[in-house]
Amino acid sequence: MSREKNPETNPARKRAPRKRATSTEAARPSFVDPQQRAALIARAAYFRAMNRGFAPGNSVEDWLAAEAEVDADLLRGTTRAAHT
């Protein structure tokens, strides 16, 4: 038995949900020159060292913390030091 199509009784088609951008696509930073990034990290590490009184022995921790801070700022697009 064939079934007739009646526009009045046809259920509305459900649309597929929109694809969301993955976190890497949504947070894709604009390109920053590696030398500029290193300068931003060096500046942030200097200020970290200055804030703790330039006590010796923490330069690696200062650099790593500054690197994480600069990278996070670049991903958000809010690098304070990029405007100077």
C-alpha atoms as a PDB file:
ATOM      1  CA  MET A   1       0.000   0.000   0.000  1.00  0.00           C
ATOM      2  CA  SER A   2       1.474   3.359  -0.921  1.00  0.00           C
ATOM      3  CA  ARG A   3       1.411   6.185   1.469  1.00  0.00           C
ATOM      4  CA  GLU A   4       0.431   9.601   0.224  1.00  0.00           C
ATOM      5  CA  LYS A   5       2.285  12.618   1.345  1.00  0.00           C
ATOM      6  CA  ASN A   6       0.091  15.220   2.872  1.00  0.00           C
ATOM      7  CA  PRO A   7       1.792  18.528   3.750  1.00  0.00           C
ATOM      8  CA  GLU A   8      -0.632  19.068   6.585  1.00  0.00           C
ATOM      9  CA  THR A   9       0.277  15.823   8.316  1.00  0.00           C
ATOM     10  CA  ASN A  10       4.016  15.821   7.589  1.00  0.00           C
ATOM     11  CA  PRO A  11       5.893  16.380  10.824  1.00  0.00           C
ATOM     12  CA  ALA A  12       8.411  19.204  10.741  1.00  0.00           C
ATOM     13  CA  ARG A  13      11.905  17.994  10.145  1.00  0.00           C
ATOM     14  CA  LYS A  14      14.253  18.410  13.025  1.00  0.00           C
ATOM     15  CA  ARG A  15      17.410  20.281  12.295  1.00  0.00           C
ATOM     16  CA  ALA A  16      20.738  18.945  13.403  1.00  0.00           C
ATOM     17  CA  PRO A  17      22.376  20.966  16.162  1.00  0.00           C
ATOM     18  CA  ARG A  18      25.038  23.427  15.070  1.00  0.00           C
ATOM     19  CA  LYS A  19      28.592  22.294  15.400  1.00  0.00           C
ATOM     20  CA  ARG A  20      30.435  24.156  18.101  1.00  0.00           C
ATOM     21  CA  ALA A  21      33.978  25.247  17.616  1.00  0.00           C
ATOM     22  CA  THR A  22      36.422  23.181  19.587  1.00  0.00           C
ATOM     23  CA  SER A  23      38.404  24.906  22.288  1.00  0.00           C
ATOM     24  CA  THR A  24      41.474  25.067  20.057  1.00  0.00           C
ATOM     25  CA  GLU A  25      39.490  26.630  17.214  1.00  0.00           C
ATOM     26  CA  ALA A  26      37.747  29.124  19.468  1.00  0.00           C
ATOM     27  CA  ALA A  27      40.932  30.090  21.277  1.00  0.00           C
ATOM     28  CA  ARG A  28      43.169  30.246  18.234  1.00  0.00           C
ATOM     29  CA  PRO A  29      45.538  33.153  18.915  1.00  0.00           C
ATOM     30  CA  SER A  30      46.635  35.602  16.318  1.00  0.00           C
ATOM     31  CA  PHE A  31      50.217  35.059  15.225  1.00  0.00           C
ATOM     32  CA  VAL A  32      52.891  36.556  17.448  1.00  0.00           C
ATOM     33  CA  ASP A  33      56.486  36.663  16.349  1.00  0.00           C
ATOM     34  CA  PRO A  34      58.612  34.287  18.488  1.00  0.00           C
ATOM     35  CA  GLN A  35      61.052  37.120  19.276  1.00  0.00           C
ATOM     36  CA  GLN A  36      58.187  39.342  20.421  1.00  0.00           C
ATOM     37  CA  ARG A  37      56.812  36.514  22.589  1.00  0.00           C
ATOM     38  CA  ALA A  38      60.252  35.977  24.153  1.00  0.00           C
ATOM     39  CA  ALA A  39      60.515  39.714  24.877  1.00  0.00           C
ATOM     40  CA  LEU A  40      57.095  39.671  26.563  1.00  0.00           C
ATOM     41  CA  ILE A  41      58.141  36.680  28.676  1.00  0.00           C
ATOM     42  CA  ALA A  42      61.457  38.290  29.623  1.00  0.00           C
ATOM     43  CA  ARG A  43      59.687  41.472  30.697  1.00  0.00           C
ATOM     44  CA  ALA A  44      57.130  39.570  32.788  1.00  0.00           C
ATOM     45  CA  ALA A  45      59.909  37.452  34.374  1.00  0.00           C
ATOM     46  CA  TYR A  46      61.859  40.606  35.220  1.00  0.00           C
ATOM     47  CA  PHE A  47      58.862  42.109  37.006  1.00  0.00           C
ATOM     48  CA  ARG A  48      58.300  38.850  38.893  1.00  0.00           C
ATOM     49  CA  ALA A  49      61.934  38.890  40.048  1.00  0.00           C
ATOM     50  CA  MET A  50      61.678  42.562  40.979  1.00  0.00           C
ATOM     51  CA  ASN A  51      58.542  41.914  43.057  1.00  0.00           C
ATOM     52  CA  ARG A  52      60.383  39.297  45.119  1.00  0.00           C
ATOM     53  CA  GLY A  53      63.448  41.521  45.606  1.00  0.00           C
ATOM     54  CA  PHE A  54      65.711  39.830  43.023  1.00  0.00           C
ATOM     55  CA  ALA A  55      66.451  37.003  45.456  1.00  0.00           C
ATOM     56  CA  PRO A  56      68.717  34.478  43.680  1.00  0.00           C
ATOM     57  CA  GLY A  57      67.688  30.952  42.808  1.00  0.00           C
ATOM     58  CA  ASN A  58      64.215  31.507  41.380  1.00  0.00           C
ATOM     59  CA  SER A  59      64.965  32.563  37.816  1.00  0.00           C
ATOM     60  CA  VAL A  60      63.621  29.366  36.245  1.00  0.00           C
ATOM     61  CA  GLU A  61      60.386  29.565  38.240  1.00  0.00           C
ATOM     62  CA  ASP A  62      60.047  33.258  37.286  1.00  0.00           C
ATOM     63  CA  TRP A  63      60.545  32.425  33.612  1.00  0.00           C
ATOM     64  CA  LEU A  64      58.100  29.499  33.598  1.00  0.00           C
ATOM     65  CA  ALA A  65      55.421  31.478  35.446  1.00  0.00           C
ATOM     66  CA  ALA A  66      55.917  34.445  33.109  1.00  0.00           C
ATOM     67  CA  GLU A  67      55.732  32.148  30.085  1.00  0.00           C
ATOM     68  CA  ALA A  68      52.425  30.670  31.271  1.00  0.00           C
ATOM     69  CA  GLU A  69      51.061  34.150  31.995  1.00  0.00           C
ATOM     70  CA  VAL A  70      52.052  35.548  28.581  1.00  0.00           C
ATOM     71  CA  ASP A  71      50.715  32.514  26.713  1.00  0.00           C
ATOM     72  CA  ALA A  72      47.393  32.728  28.564  1.00  0.00           C
ATOM     73  CA  ASP A  73      47.174  36.445  27.778  1.00  0.00           C
ATOM     74  CA  LEU A  74      47.943  35.789  24.111  1.00  0.00           C
ATOM     75  CA  LEU A  75      45.232  33.138  23.908  1.00  0.00           C
ATOM     76  CA  ARG A  76      42.704  35.529  25.436  1.00  0.00           C
ATOM     77  CA  GLY A  77      43.952  38.401  23.318  1.00  0.00           C
ATOM     78  CA  THR A  78      44.631  40.571  26.367  1.00  0.00           C
ATOM     79  CA  THR A  79      48.385  40.920  26.420  1.00  0.00           C
ATOM     80  CA  ARG A  80      49.142  44.025  28.437  1.00  0.00           C
ATOM     81  CA  ALA A  81      52.769  44.178  27.382  1.00  0.00           C
ATOM     82  CA  ALA A  82      51.969  43.877  23.642  1.00  0.00           C
ATOM     83  CA  HIS A  83      50.768  47.471  23.567  1.00  0.00           C
ATOM     84  CA  THR A  84      54.037  48.918  24.789  1.00  0.00           C
END
